[in-house]
Amino acid sequence: MSLSISDIQSSIYNAIDLISTRTNIFYYPNAPRPQLPYNSVQFLTMAKALNDSPLWDKDNAVYKYLGFREITYTLNCYGQGSFDEAIKLQIAMQTQAFRDKLKETAPLSLLRMTEPNDLTALNIDGFEERVTFDFVIYAAVENLTTESDVGYFDTTGEITLI
């Protein structure tokens, strides 16, 4: 895989930071929480390999590989006005400015989003407003940088039949 998860996360963080005025973080279990309100992005899953394409590079006599994956993240909004923030983010994530920022560092594209879900919960201080939605990124995780020399011949020797 030529595209690292850290490159993908960097692109996502920069794109979300462009469209949100809140503090934006990546979710890590047991990490300190920033002051409310804030948003967190969490990696959920990467789809299995589908239709990866080996392409023959005749100039170098090797196969080069091209592969795409769907990567699912969840975006959580915490604190007062979280439902409004989630709706604002979903609208902004469909703009060209967001898409351009997303693919600035890595070859990524926003594929789809789920509807916002209200997960408001009771904590020590009372109710904390929480809203979440998932979004799916389409990423070129392998972009012709992995090569495989499978052997190449342009002539054959004599075959003797018995």
N, C-alpha and C. Protein backbone atom coordinates (compact mmCIF):
# COMPACT_ATOMS: atom_id res chain seq x y z
N MET A 1 0.85 -1.17 0.00
CA MET A 1 0.00 0.00 0.00
C MET A 1 0.90 1.23 0.00
N SER A 2 0.71 2.08 -0.96
CA SER A 2 1.57 3.25 -1.07
C SER A 2 1.01 4.47 -0.36
N LEU A 3 -0.26 4.48 -0.06
CA LEU A 3 -0.87 5.61 0.63
C LEU A 3 -1.09 5.22 2.09
N SER A 4 -0.46 5.94 3.01
CA SER A 4 -0.55 5.57 4.42
C SER A 4 -1.82 6.14 5.06
N ILE A 5 -2.24 5.48 6.12
CA ILE A 5 -3.39 5.95 6.89
C ILE A 5 -3.11 7.35 7.45
N SER A 6 -1.87 7.63 7.83
CA SER A 6 -1.57 8.97 8.36
C SER A 6 -1.73 10.05 7.29
N ASP A 7 -1.41 9.74 6.02
CA ASP A 7 -1.66 10.69 4.93
C ASP A 7 -3.16 10.93 4.75
N ILE A 8 -3.93 9.86 4.82
CA ILE A 8 -5.39 9.97 4.68
C ILE A 8 -5.95 10.80 5.82
N GLN A 9 -5.54 10.50 7.05
CA GLN A 9 -6.06 11.23 8.21
C GLN A 9 -5.65 12.70 8.17
N SER A 10 -4.46 12.97 7.70
CA SER A 10 -4.02 14.36 7.58
C SER A 10 -4.91 15.12 6.60
N SER A 11 -5.23 14.51 5.48
CA SER A 11 -6.11 15.14 4.50
C SER A 11 -7.51 15.38 5.07
N ILE A 12 -8.03 14.39 5.77
CA ILE A 12 -9.37 14.52 6.36
C ILE A 12 -9.37 15.63 7.41
N TYR A 13 -8.36 15.63 8.28
CA TYR A 13 -8.29 16.65 9.32
C TYR A 13 -8.23 18.05 8.72
N ASN A 14 -7.36 18.25 7.72
CA ASN A 14 -7.23 19.56 7.09
C ASN A 14 -8.53 20.01 6.42
N ALA A 15 -9.23 19.07 5.80
CA ALA A 15 -10.48 19.42 5.13
C ALA A 15 -11.58 19.76 6.13
N ILE A 16 -11.68 19.01 7.22
CA ILE A 16 -12.70 19.30 8.24
C ILE A 16 -12.35 20.59 8.98
N ASP A 17 -11.08 20.81 9.24
CA ASP A 17 -10.66 22.04 9.90
C ASP A 17 -11.00 23.27 9.06
N LEU A 18 -11.03 23.10 7.75
CA LEU A 18 -11.39 24.19 6.83
C LEU A 18 -12.84 24.62 7.00
N ILE A 19 -13.72 23.66 7.30
CA ILE A 19 -15.17 23.95 7.29
C ILE A 19 -15.78 24.08 8.68
N SER A 20 -15.03 23.83 9.74
CA SER A 20 -15.57 23.91 11.10
C SER A 20 -14.79 24.91 11.94
N THR A 21 -15.52 25.70 12.73
CA THR A 21 -14.87 26.65 13.63
C THR A 21 -14.59 26.02 14.99
N ARG A 22 -15.08 24.81 15.22
CA ARG A 22 -14.84 24.12 16.49
C ARG A 22 -13.44 23.51 16.52
N THR A 23 -13.03 23.09 17.71
CA THR A 23 -11.82 22.28 17.84
C THR A 23 -12.11 20.93 17.20
N ASN A 24 -11.20 20.45 16.37
CA ASN A 24 -11.37 19.17 15.68
C ASN A 24 -10.21 18.26 16.07
N ILE A 25 -10.55 17.03 16.45
CA ILE A 25 -9.52 16.07 16.87
C ILE A 25 -9.80 14.72 16.24
N PHE A 26 -8.79 13.85 16.24
CA PHE A 26 -9.01 12.45 15.93
C PHE A 26 -9.26 11.73 17.23
N TYR A 27 -10.22 10.84 17.22
CA TYR A 27 -10.63 10.12 18.42
C TYR A 27 -9.60 9.04 18.78
N TYR A 28 -9.15 9.09 20.01
CA TYR A 28 -8.30 8.05 20.56
C TYR A 28 -8.85 7.69 21.93
N PRO A 29 -9.09 6.40 22.20
CA PRO A 29 -9.64 6.01 23.51
C PRO A 29 -8.75 6.50 24.65
N ASN A 30 -9.37 6.99 25.70
CA ASN A 30 -8.71 7.45 26.92
C ASN A 30 -7.82 8.68 26.73
N ALA A 31 -7.89 9.32 25.57
CA ALA A 31 -7.14 10.57 25.37
C ALA A 31 -7.90 11.70 26.09
N PRO A 32 -7.20 12.74 26.51
CA PRO A 32 -7.89 13.86 27.15
C PRO A 32 -8.88 14.52 26.20
N ARG A 33 -10.02 14.91 26.74
CA ARG A 33 -11.04 15.58 25.94
C ARG A 33 -10.79 17.07 25.93
N PRO A 34 -10.94 17.70 24.76
CA PRO A 34 -10.83 19.17 24.73
C PRO A 34 -12.08 19.79 25.35
N GLN A 35 -12.03 21.08 25.53
CA GLN A 35 -13.17 21.81 26.08
C GLN A 35 -14.32 21.78 25.07
N LEU A 36 -15.55 21.65 25.56
CA LEU A 36 -16.74 21.67 24.70
C LEU A 36 -16.92 23.06 24.12
N PRO A 37 -17.48 23.17 22.94
CA PRO A 37 -17.86 22.14 21.97
C PRO A 37 -16.66 21.74 21.11
N TYR A 38 -16.68 20.52 20.62
CA TYR A 38 -15.63 20.04 19.72
C TYR A 38 -16.17 18.92 18.84
N ASN A 39 -15.39 18.58 17.83
CA ASN A 39 -15.72 17.48 16.92
C ASN A 39 -14.59 16.47 16.96
N SER A 40 -14.94 15.19 16.82
CA SER A 40 -13.90 14.17 16.72
C SER A 40 -14.18 13.29 15.51
N VAL A 41 -13.10 12.85 14.88
CA VAL A 41 -13.18 11.96 13.73
C VAL A 41 -12.55 10.64 14.14
N GLN A 42 -13.23 9.54 13.83
CA GLN A 42 -12.74 8.22 14.22
C GLN A 42 -12.75 7.27 13.03
N PHE A 43 -11.62 6.60 12.81
CA PHE A 43 -11.53 5.56 11.78
C PHE A 43 -12.40 4.38 12.21
N LEU A 44 -13.23 3.86 11.29
CA LEU A 44 -14.05 2.70 11.60
C LEU A 44 -13.57 1.46 10.87
N THR A 45 -13.50 1.52 9.54
CA THR A 45 -13.15 0.32 8.79
C THR A 45 -12.66 0.65 7.38
N MET A 46 -11.90 -0.27 6.83
CA MET A 46 -11.48 -0.17 5.44
C MET A 46 -12.04 -1.38 4.71
N ALA A 47 -12.67 -1.15 3.58
CA ALA A 47 -13.29 -2.24 2.82
C ALA A 47 -12.23 -3.17 2.26
N LYS A 48 -12.64 -4.39 2.00
CA LYS A 48 -11.70 -5.36 1.42
C LYS A 48 -11.35 -4.96 -0.01
N ALA A 49 -10.28 -5.55 -0.50
CA ALA A 49 -9.82 -5.26 -1.85
C ALA A 49 -10.84 -5.74 -2.87
N LEU A 50 -11.22 -4.84 -3.73
CA LEU A 50 -12.15 -5.17 -4.82
C LEU A 50 -11.59 -4.59 -6.11
N ASN A 51 -11.43 -5.44 -7.09
CA ASN A 51 -11.03 -5.00 -8.42
C ASN A 51 -9.70 -4.25 -8.47
N ASP A 52 -8.73 -4.68 -7.65
CA ASP A 52 -7.39 -4.11 -7.81
C ASP A 52 -6.88 -4.51 -9.18
N SER A 53 -6.20 -3.62 -9.82
CA SER A 53 -5.82 -3.84 -11.22
C SER A 53 -4.32 -3.89 -11.39
N PRO A 54 -3.79 -5.05 -11.81
CA PRO A 54 -2.39 -5.06 -12.23
C PRO A 54 -2.32 -4.55 -13.67
N LEU A 55 -1.48 -3.56 -13.89
CA LEU A 55 -1.34 -2.98 -15.22
C LEU A 55 0.07 -3.25 -15.74
N TRP A 56 0.17 -3.73 -16.96
CA TRP A 56 1.47 -4.08 -17.53
C TRP A 56 2.18 -2.84 -18.02
N ASP A 57 3.39 -2.61 -17.51
CA ASP A 57 4.25 -1.52 -17.95
C ASP A 57 5.29 -2.12 -18.89
N LYS A 58 5.03 -2.05 -20.19
CA LYS A 58 5.90 -2.72 -21.15
C LYS A 58 7.27 -2.05 -21.26
N ASP A 59 7.36 -0.77 -20.92
CA ASP A 59 8.66 -0.09 -20.98
C ASP A 59 9.63 -0.65 -19.94
N ASN A 60 9.12 -1.02 -18.78
CA ASN A 60 9.96 -1.53 -17.70
C ASN A 60 9.79 -3.03 -17.49
N ALA A 61 8.91 -3.65 -18.23
CA ALA A 61 8.63 -5.10 -18.16
C ALA A 61 8.25 -5.54 -16.76
N VAL A 62 7.34 -4.79 -16.12
CA VAL A 62 6.83 -5.14 -14.79
C VAL A 62 5.33 -4.85 -14.73
N TYR A 63 4.68 -5.50 -13.78
CA TYR A 63 3.30 -5.14 -13.46
C TYR A 63 3.34 -4.04 -12.41
N LYS A 64 2.45 -3.06 -12.55
CA LYS A 64 2.24 -2.03 -11.55
C LYS A 64 0.80 -2.15 -11.10
N TYR A 65 0.57 -1.87 -9.84
CA TYR A 65 -0.76 -2.12 -9.27
C TYR A 65 -1.50 -0.84 -8.95
N LEU A 66 -2.80 -0.89 -9.20
CA LEU A 66 -3.71 0.22 -8.93
C LEU A 66 -4.85 -0.33 -8.07
N GLY A 67 -5.06 0.27 -6.89
CA GLY A 67 -6.10 -0.25 -6.00
C GLY A 67 -6.82 0.85 -5.25
N PHE A 68 -8.11 0.70 -5.12
CA PHE A 68 -8.96 1.68 -4.42
C PHE A 68 -9.66 1.00 -3.26
N ARG A 69 -9.92 1.75 -2.20
CA ARG A 69 -10.64 1.24 -1.04
C ARG A 69 -11.66 2.27 -0.58
N GLU A 70 -12.75 1.76 -0.03
CA GLU A 70 -13.71 2.59 0.69
C GLU A 70 -13.29 2.56 2.15
N ILE A 71 -13.12 3.74 2.74
CA ILE A 71 -12.70 3.84 4.13
C ILE A 71 -13.78 4.61 4.88
N THR A 72 -14.30 4.01 5.94
CA THR A 72 -15.39 4.61 6.69
C THR A 72 -14.87 5.26 7.97
N TYR A 73 -15.30 6.49 8.17
CA TYR A 73 -14.99 7.25 9.38
C TYR A 73 -16.31 7.68 10.01
N THR A 74 -16.28 7.96 11.30
CA THR A 74 -17.43 8.55 11.95
C THR A 74 -17.02 9.92 12.47
N LEU A 75 -17.90 10.87 12.33
CA LEU A 75 -17.66 12.22 12.81
C LEU A 75 -18.64 12.47 13.96
N ASN A 76 -18.10 12.80 15.13
CA ASN A 76 -18.90 13.04 16.33
C ASN A 76 -18.82 14.50 16.70
N CYS A 77 -19.97 15.10 16.95
CA CYS A 77 -20.04 16.49 17.39
C CYS A 77 -20.48 16.48 18.85
N TYR A 78 -19.75 17.17 19.72
CA TYR A 78 -20.04 17.20 21.15
C TYR A 78 -20.33 18.63 21.59
N GLY A 79 -21.29 18.79 22.50
CA GLY A 79 -21.57 20.09 23.10
C GLY A 79 -22.78 20.78 22.50
N GLN A 80 -23.04 21.96 23.04
CA GLN A 80 -24.20 22.76 22.63
C GLN A 80 -24.20 23.00 21.13
N GLY A 81 -25.35 22.82 20.48
CA GLY A 81 -25.50 23.09 19.05
C GLY A 81 -24.92 22.01 18.16
N SER A 82 -24.76 20.80 18.68
CA SER A 82 -24.12 19.74 17.91
C SER A 82 -24.94 19.29 16.70
N PHE A 83 -26.26 19.28 16.83
CA PHE A 83 -27.06 18.87 15.68
C PHE A 83 -26.90 19.87 14.54
N ASP A 84 -26.92 21.16 14.90
CA ASP A 84 -26.71 22.20 13.88
C ASP A 84 -25.32 22.07 13.26
N GLU A 85 -24.31 21.76 14.08
CA GLU A 85 -22.95 21.59 13.58
C GLU A 85 -22.87 20.42 12.61
N ALA A 86 -23.53 19.31 12.94
CA ALA A 86 -23.51 18.13 12.07
C ALA A 86 -24.13 18.44 10.71
N ILE A 87 -25.25 19.13 10.71
CA ILE A 87 -25.92 19.51 9.46
C ILE A 87 -25.02 20.45 8.65
N LYS A 88 -24.41 21.44 9.35
CA LYS A 88 -23.50 22.38 8.69
C LYS A 88 -22.33 21.63 8.05
N LEU A 89 -21.76 20.68 8.79
CA LEU A 89 -20.63 19.91 8.27
C LEU A 89 -21.04 19.08 7.05
N GLN A 90 -22.21 18.45 7.12
CA GLN A 90 -22.65 17.63 5.99
C GLN A 90 -22.85 18.47 4.73
N ILE A 91 -23.38 19.65 4.89
CA ILE A 91 -23.57 20.52 3.73
C ILE A 91 -22.21 20.97 3.20
N ALA A 92 -21.32 21.39 4.10
CA ALA A 92 -20.00 21.88 3.70
C ALA A 92 -19.14 20.78 3.09
N MET A 93 -19.34 19.53 3.51
CA MET A 93 -18.54 18.43 2.99
C MET A 93 -18.87 18.12 1.53
N GLN A 94 -19.97 18.64 1.05
CA GLN A 94 -20.35 18.43 -0.34
C GLN A 94 -19.87 19.54 -1.27
N THR A 95 -19.23 20.55 -0.70
CA THR A 95 -18.76 21.67 -1.53
C THR A 95 -17.46 21.32 -2.24
N GLN A 96 -17.18 22.06 -3.30
CA GLN A 96 -15.95 21.85 -4.05
C GLN A 96 -14.72 22.24 -3.23
N ALA A 97 -14.85 23.26 -2.39
CA ALA A 97 -13.72 23.69 -1.55
C ALA A 97 -13.29 22.56 -0.61
N PHE A 98 -14.26 21.86 -0.01
CA PHE A 98 -13.94 20.73 0.87
C PHE A 98 -13.28 19.62 0.07
N ARG A 99 -13.86 19.29 -1.07
CA ARG A 99 -13.31 18.20 -1.88
C ARG A 99 -11.90 18.51 -2.38
N ASP A 100 -11.65 19.77 -2.73
CA ASP A 100 -10.30 20.16 -3.16
C ASP A 100 -9.30 20.04 -2.01
N LYS A 101 -9.71 20.47 -0.82
CA LYS A 101 -8.83 20.38 0.35
C LYS A 101 -8.59 18.92 0.72
N LEU A 102 -9.60 18.09 0.58
CA LEU A 102 -9.49 16.67 0.90
C LEU A 102 -8.46 15.97 0.04
N LYS A 103 -8.41 16.31 -1.24
CA LYS A 103 -7.48 15.62 -2.14
C LYS A 103 -6.14 16.36 -2.30
N GLU A 104 -5.94 17.41 -1.50
CA GLU A 104 -4.71 18.19 -1.59
C GLU A 104 -3.48 17.37 -1.19
N THR A 105 -3.60 16.57 -0.15
CA THR A 105 -2.47 15.78 0.36
C THR A 105 -2.46 14.36 -0.17
N ALA A 106 -3.64 13.80 -0.41
CA ALA A 106 -3.75 12.40 -0.83
C ALA A 106 -4.90 12.26 -1.82
N PRO A 107 -4.83 11.25 -2.71
CA PRO A 107 -5.92 11.06 -3.70
C PRO A 107 -7.17 10.47 -3.04
N LEU A 108 -8.04 11.36 -2.56
CA LEU A 108 -9.24 10.97 -1.83
C LEU A 108 -10.46 11.65 -2.43
N SER A 109 -11.61 11.03 -2.21
CA SER A 109 -12.87 11.63 -2.62
C SER A 109 -13.95 11.20 -1.63
N LEU A 110 -14.86 12.13 -1.32
CA LEU A 110 -15.99 11.80 -0.46
C LEU A 110 -17.00 11.02 -1.28
N LEU A 111 -17.37 9.84 -0.79
CA LEU A 111 -18.28 8.97 -1.54
C LEU A 111 -19.72 9.13 -1.07
N ARG A 112 -19.93 9.02 0.25
CA ARG A 112 -21.30 9.14 0.78
C ARG A 112 -21.27 9.41 2.29
N MET A 113 -22.44 9.80 2.83
CA MET A 113 -22.59 10.06 4.26
C MET A 113 -23.89 9.44 4.74
N THR A 114 -23.94 9.15 6.04
CA THR A 114 -25.19 8.68 6.64
C THR A 114 -25.92 9.88 7.24
N GLU A 115 -27.13 9.64 7.71
CA GLU A 115 -27.88 10.71 8.35
C GLU A 115 -27.33 10.94 9.76
N PRO A 116 -27.46 12.17 10.28
CA PRO A 116 -27.01 12.45 11.65
C PRO A 116 -27.87 11.70 12.67
N ASN A 117 -27.22 11.17 13.69
CA ASN A 117 -27.92 10.47 14.78
C ASN A 117 -27.68 11.20 16.09
N ASP A 118 -28.76 11.43 16.82
CA ASP A 118 -28.68 12.10 18.12
C ASP A 118 -28.30 11.07 19.18
N LEU A 119 -27.13 11.23 19.78
CA LEU A 119 -26.65 10.32 20.82
C LEU A 119 -26.44 11.07 22.13
N THR A 120 -27.28 12.08 22.38
CA THR A 120 -27.18 12.86 23.62
C THR A 120 -27.17 11.91 24.80
N ALA A 121 -26.24 12.17 25.74
CA ALA A 121 -26.06 11.25 26.86
C ALA A 121 -25.96 12.00 28.17
N LEU A 122 -26.32 11.31 29.24
CA LEU A 122 -26.21 11.85 30.59
C LEU A 122 -24.79 11.61 31.09
N ASN A 123 -24.13 12.67 31.55
CA ASN A 123 -22.83 12.51 32.18
C ASN A 123 -22.87 13.19 33.54
N ILE A 124 -21.73 13.42 34.15
CA ILE A 124 -21.67 13.94 35.52
C ILE A 124 -22.35 15.31 35.65
N ASP A 125 -22.19 16.16 34.65
CA ASP A 125 -22.71 17.53 34.71
C ASP A 125 -24.12 17.68 34.18
N GLY A 126 -24.75 16.63 33.72
CA GLY A 126 -26.07 16.70 33.13
C GLY A 126 -26.05 16.07 31.75
N PHE A 127 -26.92 16.53 30.89
CA PHE A 127 -26.97 15.98 29.54
C PHE A 127 -25.94 16.67 28.65
N GLU A 128 -25.22 15.86 27.88
CA GLU A 128 -24.26 16.38 26.92
C GLU A 128 -24.78 16.07 25.53
N GLU A 129 -24.96 17.13 24.75
CA GLU A 129 -25.45 16.94 23.39
C GLU A 129 -24.37 16.28 22.54
N ARG A 130 -24.74 15.20 21.85
CA ARG A 130 -23.82 14.48 20.97
C ARG A 130 -24.58 14.07 19.71
N VAL A 131 -23.96 14.31 18.58
CA VAL A 131 -24.55 13.92 17.29
C VAL A 131 -23.44 13.28 16.47
N THR A 132 -23.78 12.22 15.76
CA THR A 132 -22.77 11.51 14.99
C THR A 132 -23.30 11.16 13.60
N PHE A 133 -22.39 11.08 12.65
CA PHE A 133 -22.72 10.53 11.33
C PHE A 133 -21.45 9.92 10.75
N ASP A 134 -21.65 8.95 9.87
CA ASP A 134 -20.53 8.30 9.20
C ASP A 134 -20.33 8.91 7.82
N PHE A 135 -19.09 8.90 7.36
CA PHE A 135 -18.82 9.30 5.98
C PHE A 135 -17.81 8.33 5.40
N VAL A 136 -17.94 8.09 4.11
CA VAL A 136 -17.10 7.13 3.42
C VAL A 136 -16.22 7.86 2.43
N ILE A 137 -14.93 7.59 2.53
CA ILE A 137 -13.92 8.17 1.64
C ILE A 137 -13.51 7.09 0.64
N TYR A 138 -13.35 7.47 -0.60
CA TYR A 138 -12.83 6.58 -1.64
C TYR A 138 -11.38 6.98 -1.85
N ALA A 139 -10.46 6.06 -1.60
CA ALA A 139 -9.04 6.39 -1.63
C ALA A 139 -8.28 5.49 -2.59
N ALA A 140 -7.36 6.10 -3.31
CA ALA A 140 -6.44 5.34 -4.16
C ALA A 140 -5.27 4.92 -3.26
N VAL A 141 -5.43 3.78 -2.57
CA VAL A 141 -4.42 3.35 -1.62
C VAL A 141 -3.18 2.80 -2.31
N GLU A 142 -3.35 2.32 -3.52
CA GLU A 142 -2.21 1.87 -4.31
C GLU A 142 -2.29 2.56 -5.65
N ASN A 143 -1.30 3.39 -5.94
CA ASN A 143 -1.38 4.23 -7.15
C ASN A 143 -0.18 4.01 -8.08
N LEU A 144 0.02 2.77 -8.45
CA LEU A 144 1.03 2.38 -9.43
C LEU A 144 2.47 2.48 -8.92
N THR A 145 2.66 2.53 -7.60
CA THR A 145 4.02 2.59 -7.07
C THR A 145 4.54 1.20 -6.68
N THR A 146 3.66 0.23 -6.51
CA THR A 146 4.09 -1.13 -6.22
C THR A 146 4.28 -1.87 -7.53
N GLU A 147 5.44 -2.49 -7.67
CA GLU A 147 5.77 -3.19 -8.91
C GLU A 147 6.01 -4.66 -8.61
N SER A 148 5.77 -5.48 -9.62
CA SER A 148 6.02 -6.91 -9.51
C SER A 148 6.66 -7.38 -10.81
N ASP A 149 7.89 -7.86 -10.68
CA ASP A 149 8.60 -8.38 -11.84
C ASP A 149 8.27 -9.86 -11.95
N VAL A 150 7.38 -10.19 -12.85
CA VAL A 150 6.91 -11.58 -12.98
C VAL A 150 7.70 -12.36 -14.02
N GLY A 151 8.73 -11.74 -14.54
CA GLY A 151 9.53 -12.39 -15.57
C GLY A 151 8.99 -12.04 -16.95
N TYR A 152 9.89 -11.85 -17.86
CA TYR A 152 9.48 -11.43 -19.19
C TYR A 152 10.43 -12.09 -20.18
N PHE A 153 9.87 -12.63 -21.23
CA PHE A 153 10.72 -13.20 -22.26
C PHE A 153 10.17 -12.79 -23.62
N ASP A 154 11.06 -12.62 -24.56
CA ASP A 154 10.61 -12.26 -25.90
C ASP A 154 11.00 -13.30 -26.94
N THR A 155 11.74 -14.33 -26.52
CA THR A 155 12.05 -15.44 -27.42
C THR A 155 11.93 -16.75 -26.65
N THR A 156 11.76 -17.83 -27.39
CA THR A 156 11.72 -19.14 -26.75
C THR A 156 12.78 -20.03 -27.37
N GLY A 157 13.22 -21.00 -26.61
CA GLY A 157 14.22 -21.93 -27.13
C GLY A 157 13.56 -22.98 -28.00
N GLU A 158 14.38 -23.83 -28.57
CA GLU A 158 13.85 -24.92 -29.41
C GLU A 158 13.20 -25.98 -28.55
N ILE A 159 12.14 -26.51 -29.06
CA ILE A 159 11.47 -27.63 -28.39
C ILE A 159 11.64 -28.86 -29.27
N THR A 160 12.13 -29.91 -28.68
CA THR A 160 12.31 -31.17 -29.41
C THR A 160 11.19 -32.11 -29.03
N LEU A 161 10.46 -32.56 -30.03
CA LEU A 161 9.39 -33.50 -29.77
C LEU A 161 9.91 -34.93 -29.90
N ILE A 162 9.53 -35.79 -29.03
CA ILE A 162 9.97 -37.19 -29.07
C ILE A 162 8.89 -38.04 -29.68
